[in-house]
Structure formats: C-alpha cells, structure tokens
C-alpha cells in the first residue's frame, strides 16, 4: 500500500470520527457551505447526502425557519433555513413550491433535516482545541467559529441545530423530552 491518501470522495464514504490527542486537540473533516454572505461548516459524519436541486413545498402556517418539505429518494424531509434561524429574511415564496440550489441532508440519531446551501465550498480538515470552559459563539447551534481563506466560518452542531429548529417551531425535540 502506498502512502498516497485516498481521494476525498472515498474518504467521505467512511464515517469520520474526531481524533483527540493528549493535548486536547480535535481534528475532523468538514464540508463547507455558503448561504448568502455567511459560511458554515458541518462535520461530514453528520451528512447523509447533498442534493443538487431541491424542490421545496411550503407548509401552511409553518414558522419562517421551516422553509417547507421535500421528497428525496422516498423520504419526506423538513427543509430548514439557517438564515431565518439567525433572524434573516425569508428566501422562498410563502405559496406553492420553490426550487433551491442545493440541499444538504444532515442526520442526528434517527432525525434528518435538509439545510439550504447556495454553494458547497468543498472539504477541509479542521483542528480545534477543546476548551470546555472557553468562550462559545452566541448562537446555540454553532460549536465554534474559525477562519478559512479570509472568511469567518461557523461550525454547526447538528444535534443542537435540530433542537433549536424544533424549539423555534414549538416542538419538543428528543433531547428536550423528559425520561419517564
């Protein structure tokens, strides 16, 4: 076996587990995506797939951050708008269906949602120091912020994102439910 690294698409098929060294450093593979002027990153282990064009059907009376639903390979997925969760403007018409440029399907446990992305910026290896008492970003579903090619990137915490989306919609997420 040669010392040549596997192509990125082959490495993406294998689940990525963060590696921790004795110096409290975590390294993981991330997918970068852009929405408007803001860049986000998602750990590839949480990504199920990327759909290049997603037709989204609005759901009457849904909160603005729930852009609608889409059917992808026989699965009905809720489409979440990060811009709306951050207080931005609605990007879809309130009536009928719209087609979005890309949908990134993420999973946490048994739950899946699709996130809107205008651009996929590729994959990066990211290393960060673990500091449990360190400053966290003000957004509850952002794990950390880092710089990439002159852009500020928000690393999303997928379980926290799903819990925040459910809370904004007035739904208890599995992490909010009390055990009997």
Protein backbone atom coordinates (compact mmCIF):
# COMPACT_ATOMS: atom_id res chain seq x y z
CA UNK A 1 0.00 0.00 0.00
CA UNK A 2 1.42 3.38 -0.96
CA UNK A 3 1.48 6.47 1.22
CA UNK A 4 -0.90 8.27 -1.16
CA UNK A 5 -4.05 9.48 0.63
CA UNK A 6 -7.42 8.18 -0.58
CA UNK A 7 -9.39 10.54 -2.85
CA UNK A 8 -11.76 12.82 -0.95
CA UNK A 9 -14.92 11.08 -2.20
CA UNK A 10 -13.63 7.72 -0.90
CA UNK A 11 -12.74 9.19 2.49
CA UNK A 12 -16.18 10.82 2.69
CA UNK A 13 -17.90 7.42 2.45
CA UNK A 14 -16.26 6.28 5.67
CA UNK A 15 -17.64 7.73 8.89
CA UNK A 16 -15.31 10.37 10.24
CA UNK A 17 -14.54 10.25 13.90
CA UNK A 18 -12.81 13.18 15.53
CA UNK A 19 -9.34 12.27 16.73
CA UNK A 20 -8.22 13.54 20.11
CA UNK A 21 -4.61 13.78 21.14
CA UNK A 22 -3.27 14.14 24.67
CA UNK A 23 -3.06 17.90 24.21
CA UNK A 24 -6.87 18.22 23.86
CA UNK A 25 -6.81 18.83 20.13
CA UNK A 26 -9.66 17.54 17.94
CA UNK A 27 -9.35 17.07 14.19
CA UNK A 28 -12.28 16.37 11.89
CA UNK A 29 -13.30 16.51 8.24
CA UNK A 30 -15.78 19.27 7.45
CA UNK A 31 -17.89 20.25 4.45
CA UNK A 32 -18.08 24.00 3.85
CA UNK A 33 -21.24 25.62 2.58
CA UNK A 34 -22.28 29.19 1.89
CA UNK A 35 -25.62 30.82 2.39
CA UNK A 36 -25.71 34.48 1.42
CA UNK A 37 -22.51 36.08 2.69
CA UNK A 38 -22.08 33.62 5.58
CA UNK A 39 -20.02 30.41 5.54
CA UNK A 40 -20.91 27.34 7.59
CA UNK A 41 -19.17 24.01 8.18
CA UNK A 42 -20.68 20.63 9.02
CA UNK A 43 -18.82 17.55 10.20
CA UNK A 44 -19.02 15.07 7.33
CA UNK A 45 -20.06 12.29 9.72
CA UNK A 46 -23.43 14.10 10.11
CA UNK A 47 -24.03 14.48 6.35
CA UNK A 48 -26.22 11.91 4.62
CA UNK A 49 -26.14 13.44 1.13
CA UNK A 50 -26.17 16.61 -0.94
CA UNK A 51 -28.99 17.14 -3.43
CA UNK A 52 -28.06 19.50 -6.25
CA UNK A 53 -31.56 20.85 -6.75
CA UNK A 54 -34.31 20.55 -4.26
CA UNK A 55 -37.95 21.30 -4.91
CA UNK A 56 -39.44 22.51 -1.66
CA UNK A 57 -43.17 22.69 -0.94
CA UNK A 58 -44.24 25.29 1.62
CA UNK A 59 -46.24 24.13 4.60
CA UNK A 60 -49.09 26.50 5.53
CA UNK A 61 -48.64 28.20 8.93
CA UNK A 62 -45.12 26.77 9.39
CA UNK A 63 -42.67 29.12 11.11
CA UNK A 64 -40.40 31.08 8.77
CA UNK A 65 -37.31 28.94 9.50
CA UNK A 66 -39.17 25.84 8.28
CA UNK A 67 -38.96 26.52 4.55
CA UNK A 68 -41.11 23.51 3.72
CA UNK A 69 -40.76 19.83 2.93
CA UNK A 70 -39.12 17.90 0.12
CA UNK A 71 -39.23 14.30 -1.01
CA UNK A 72 -35.79 12.83 -1.52
CA UNK A 73 -35.43 9.17 -2.53
CA UNK A 74 -38.77 8.34 -0.92
CA UNK A 75 -38.07 10.19 2.34
CA UNK A 76 -40.05 13.27 3.35
CA UNK A 77 -37.62 15.80 4.81
CA UNK A 78 -38.14 19.10 6.60
CA UNK A 79 -36.15 21.90 4.97
CA UNK A 80 -34.61 24.31 7.47
CA UNK A 81 -33.39 27.80 6.59
CA UNK A 82 -30.29 28.78 8.57
CA UNK A 83 -30.70 32.41 7.51
CA UNK A 84 -34.19 32.51 9.02
CA UNK A 85 -32.97 30.84 12.24
CA UNK A 86 -30.39 33.60 12.51
CA UNK A 87 -33.04 36.30 12.02
CA UNK A 88 -32.58 36.78 8.28
CA UNK A 89 -35.19 37.25 5.60
CA UNK A 90 -37.39 34.56 4.09
CA UNK A 91 -35.91 33.33 0.79
CA UNK A 92 -38.96 31.45 -0.52
CA UNK A 93 -42.40 32.46 -1.60
CA UNK A 94 -44.99 31.68 1.08
CA UNK A 95 -47.12 29.89 -1.51
CA UNK A 96 -46.56 26.84 -3.68
CA UNK A 97 -43.23 25.20 -4.41
CA UNK A 98 -39.78 26.62 -4.99
CA UNK A 99 -36.55 25.12 -6.25
CA UNK A 100 -33.44 25.70 -4.17
CA UNK A 101 -29.86 25.43 -5.46
CA UNK A 102 -28.65 22.71 -3.02
CA UNK A 103 -29.93 20.81 -0.02
CA UNK A 104 -27.52 19.28 2.47
CA UNK A 105 -29.21 16.41 4.32
CA UNK A 106 -27.90 16.00 7.86
CA UNK A 107 -28.67 13.33 10.42
CA UNK A 108 -28.59 13.18 14.19
CA UNK A 109 -29.71 9.80 15.50
CA UNK A 110 -32.97 8.92 13.76
CA UNK A 111 -33.72 12.51 12.74
CA UNK A 112 -32.92 14.02 9.34
CA UNK A 113 -33.36 17.55 8.02
CA UNK A 114 -32.27 19.31 4.84
CA UNK A 115 -30.34 22.58 5.08
CA UNK A 116 -30.34 25.08 2.23
CA UNK A 117 -26.93 25.92 0.72
CA UNK A 118 -26.17 28.26 -2.16
CA UNK A 119 -22.63 26.97 -2.62
CA UNK A 120 -20.65 23.97 -1.46
CA UNK A 121 -17.11 25.16 -0.76
CA UNK A 122 -15.52 21.72 -0.55
CA UNK A 123 -13.98 19.71 2.23
CA UNK A 124 -11.38 20.74 4.79
CA UNK A 125 -9.61 19.13 7.70
CA UNK A 126 -10.11 21.30 10.76
CA UNK A 127 -8.25 21.11 14.04
CA UNK A 128 -9.50 22.82 17.14
CA UNK A 129 -8.52 22.89 20.78
CA UNK A 130 -11.04 21.55 23.27
CA UNK A 131 -11.69 24.10 25.98
CA UNK A 132 -14.86 23.20 27.91
CA UNK A 133 -14.74 26.49 29.78
CA UNK A 134 -13.80 28.60 26.75
CA UNK A 135 -15.97 31.19 25.09
CA UNK A 136 -18.73 29.78 22.86
CA UNK A 137 -20.37 31.62 19.99
CA UNK A 138 -23.62 33.37 20.93
CA UNK A 139 -25.65 31.17 18.58
CA UNK A 140 -26.75 27.96 20.38
CA UNK A 141 -26.23 25.68 17.37
CA UNK A 142 -22.75 26.92 16.47
CA UNK A 143 -19.98 24.87 18.07
CA UNK A 144 -17.16 27.26 17.17
CA UNK A 145 -16.00 29.88 14.69
CA UNK A 146 -12.83 29.72 12.62
CA UNK A 147 -11.19 31.46 9.66
CA UNK A 148 -10.92 29.84 6.23
CA UNK A 149 -9.46 31.65 3.21
CA UNK A 150 -10.29 35.05 4.67
CA UNK A 151 -13.86 34.07 5.59
CA UNK A 152 -15.35 33.58 9.04
CA UNK A 153 -16.91 30.09 9.22
CA UNK A 154 -19.45 28.85 11.76
CA UNK A 155 -19.08 25.16 12.61
CA UNK A 156 -22.61 23.82 13.12
CA UNK A 157 -23.51 21.50 15.97
CA UNK A 158 -26.09 19.32 14.16
CA UNK A 159 -27.94 17.96 17.24
CA UNK A 160 -28.15 21.50 18.68
CA UNK A 161 -29.34 22.81 15.28
CA UNK A 162 -32.16 20.26 15.20
CA UNK A 163 -33.13 21.04 18.79
CA UNK A 164 -33.14 24.79 18.05
CA UNK A 165 -35.26 24.32 14.91
CA UNK A 166 -37.75 22.21 16.86
CA UNK A 167 -37.86 24.71 19.73
CA UNK A 168 -38.47 27.63 17.36
CA UNK A 169 -41.34 25.64 15.85
CA UNK A 170 -42.80 24.94 19.30
CA UNK A 171 -41.97 21.23 19.14
CA UNK A 172 -40.12 19.29 21.80
CA UNK A 173 -37.03 17.71 20.33
CA UNK A 174 -35.93 14.25 21.52
CA UNK A 175 -33.22 15.90 23.64
CA UNK A 176 -35.84 18.12 25.36
CA UNK A 177 -38.22 15.30 26.25
CA UNK A 178 -38.12 14.07 29.81
CA UNK A 179 -37.45 10.42 30.51
CA UNK A 180 -40.31 8.63 32.35
